[in-house]
Amino acid sequence: MDLDALREQTCAQLFLIAPELQSGVGQLVDECLASAQASFKPEFLLRLSPQAWARIALLYARSFVDTGADVSVGDMAAAVVRDAIQINRLDMLVMDLAQRKAAQAQERGAPRDGRRKPPVLSLVKAAAPEQ
């Protein structure tokens, strides 16, 4: 799927969940996706379903209508991530994701005998703030 197809499918989904918007659906989706493109690469945008983008576009519009403040899609995503990090289930969700990715790699025939170097993660210890 490309961005044009995502836009068309998102418009259709948004019309289904908010038929009262009628002719403004296309403009709303365009504004929402433009805001998202300012913060994210197209590859990331395409990873979310049209149903998800329809809901995001609706929240994007409602937040502006209700408050008059322009909340970018990037700011919305950052707020969701901040909230998710505070949830105790984060470790379980990440482990589930890692296990699914490992299973997918194994199904594709990725070698598990050490021929391929595993990715290396490095942690940077932050200095304690001066008081």
Protein backbone atom coordinates (compact mmCIF):
# COMPACT_ATOMS: atom_id res chain seq x y z
CA MET A 1 0.00 0.00 0.00
CA ASP A 2 1.23 3.53 -0.70
CA LEU A 3 0.21 6.84 0.90
CA ASP A 4 -2.45 7.54 -1.74
CA ALA A 5 -4.12 4.19 -1.11
CA LEU A 6 -3.85 4.76 2.65
CA ARG A 7 -5.50 8.15 2.22
CA GLU A 8 -8.39 6.73 0.18
CA GLN A 9 -9.01 3.86 2.59
CA THR A 10 -8.76 6.18 5.58
CA CYS A 11 -11.32 8.53 4.03
CA ALA A 12 -13.71 5.59 3.54
CA GLN A 13 -13.21 4.42 7.13
CA LEU A 14 -13.66 7.93 8.52
CA PHE A 15 -16.89 8.35 6.58
CA LEU A 16 -18.13 5.08 8.12
CA ILE A 17 -17.37 6.12 11.71
CA ALA A 18 -18.34 9.80 11.32
CA PRO A 19 -20.85 10.19 8.46
CA GLU A 20 -21.76 13.63 9.79
CA LEU A 21 -18.48 14.94 8.38
CA GLN A 22 -19.60 14.12 4.81
CA SER A 23 -17.70 16.32 2.37
CA GLY A 24 -15.01 17.37 4.87
CA VAL A 25 -13.58 13.87 5.23
CA GLY A 26 -10.93 14.25 2.51
CA GLN A 27 -9.65 17.57 3.81
CA LEU A 28 -9.52 16.28 7.39
CA VAL A 29 -7.55 13.16 6.38
CA ASP A 30 -5.18 15.28 4.27
CA GLU A 31 -4.49 17.63 7.20
CA CYS A 32 -4.02 14.73 9.62
CA LEU A 33 -1.62 12.86 7.33
CA ALA A 34 0.30 16.07 6.59
CA SER A 35 0.72 16.61 10.33
CA ALA A 36 1.87 13.01 10.73
CA GLN A 37 4.35 13.33 7.85
CA ALA A 38 5.99 16.23 9.66
CA SER A 39 6.94 13.84 12.48
CA PHE A 40 7.16 10.38 10.94
CA LYS A 41 8.61 8.66 7.91
CA PRO A 42 6.15 7.30 5.33
CA GLU A 43 7.15 3.73 6.25
CA PHE A 44 5.82 4.28 9.76
CA LEU A 45 2.60 5.85 8.52
CA LEU A 46 1.94 2.81 6.35
CA ARG A 47 2.33 0.46 9.32
CA LEU A 48 -0.91 1.77 10.84
CA SER A 49 -4.20 0.58 9.39
CA PRO A 50 -6.69 2.88 7.67
CA GLN A 51 -9.05 2.18 10.60
CA ALA A 52 -6.42 3.50 13.02
CA TRP A 53 -5.79 6.57 10.86
CA ALA A 54 -9.52 7.27 10.70
CA ARG A 55 -9.68 7.31 14.50
CA ILE A 56 -6.52 9.42 14.72
CA ALA A 57 -7.95 11.91 12.20
CA LEU A 58 -11.16 12.13 14.21
CA LEU A 59 -9.23 12.78 17.43
CA TYR A 60 -7.04 15.27 15.58
CA ALA A 61 -10.14 17.23 14.49
CA ARG A 62 -11.99 16.97 17.78
CA SER A 63 -9.03 18.19 19.80
CA PHE A 64 -8.89 21.32 17.62
CA VAL A 65 -12.65 21.89 17.67
CA ASP A 66 -12.90 21.36 21.43
CA THR A 67 -9.89 23.44 22.46
CA GLY A 68 -8.91 25.60 19.51
CA ALA A 69 -5.33 24.34 19.90
CA ASP A 70 -3.55 22.59 17.07
CA VAL A 71 -2.23 19.33 18.52
CA SER A 72 0.07 17.64 16.02
CA VAL A 73 -0.15 13.93 15.32
CA GLY A 74 3.46 13.66 16.52
CA ASP A 75 2.48 15.20 19.87
CA MET A 76 -0.49 12.82 20.08
CA ALA A 77 1.78 9.82 19.48
CA ALA A 78 4.30 11.07 22.04
CA ALA A 79 1.52 11.38 24.65
CA VAL A 80 0.41 7.81 23.95
CA VAL A 81 3.97 6.51 24.24
CA ARG A 82 4.53 8.42 27.51
CA ASP A 83 1.33 6.87 28.89
CA ALA A 84 2.24 3.39 27.67
CA ILE A 85 5.63 3.54 29.34
CA GLN A 86 3.91 4.07 32.67
CA ILE A 87 1.81 0.92 32.23
CA ASN A 88 3.09 -2.13 34.07
CA ARG A 89 2.23 -4.38 31.14
CA LEU A 90 4.81 -2.74 28.87
CA ASP A 91 7.42 -5.40 29.58
CA MET A 92 4.96 -8.18 28.79
CA LEU A 93 3.83 -6.48 25.57
CA VAL A 94 7.41 -5.92 24.40
CA MET A 95 8.37 -9.52 25.19
CA ASP A 96 5.35 -10.77 23.24
CA LEU A 97 6.35 -8.61 20.28
CA ALA A 98 9.96 -9.85 20.46
CA GLN A 99 8.84 -13.47 20.58
CA ARG A 100 6.54 -13.00 17.56
CA LYS A 101 9.36 -11.35 15.60
CA ALA A 102 11.73 -14.18 16.53
CA ALA A 103 9.15 -16.76 15.43
CA GLN A 104 8.67 -14.92 12.13
CA ALA A 105 12.43 -14.87 11.56
CA GLN A 106 12.63 -18.58 12.30
CA GLU A 107 9.76 -19.29 9.88
CA ARG A 108 11.65 -17.41 7.16
CA GLY A 109 14.60 -19.69 7.81
CA ALA A 110 16.88 -17.20 9.54
CA PRO A 111 19.85 -19.08 11.01
CA ARG A 112 19.72 -19.56 14.77
CA ASP A 113 23.09 -21.29 15.05
CA GLY A 114 25.15 -18.14 15.52
CA ARG A 115 26.16 -17.62 11.88
CA ARG A 116 24.45 -14.25 11.93
CA LYS A 117 25.57 -11.77 14.56
CA PRO A 118 22.74 -10.70 16.84
CA PRO A 119 22.09 -6.98 17.01
CA VAL A 120 24.03 -5.23 19.73
CA LEU A 121 22.26 -2.88 22.06
CA SER A 122 24.24 -0.36 24.02
CA LEU A 123 22.99 1.56 26.99
CA VAL A 124 24.15 5.01 27.88
CA LYS A 125 24.15 5.81 31.55
CA ALA A 126 22.86 9.31 32.15
CA ALA A 127 24.79 11.47 34.56
CA ALA A 128 22.97 12.39 37.72
CA PRO A 129 21.62 15.94 37.60
CA GLU A 130 23.64 18.42 39.61
CA GLN A 131 21.89 19.92 42.57
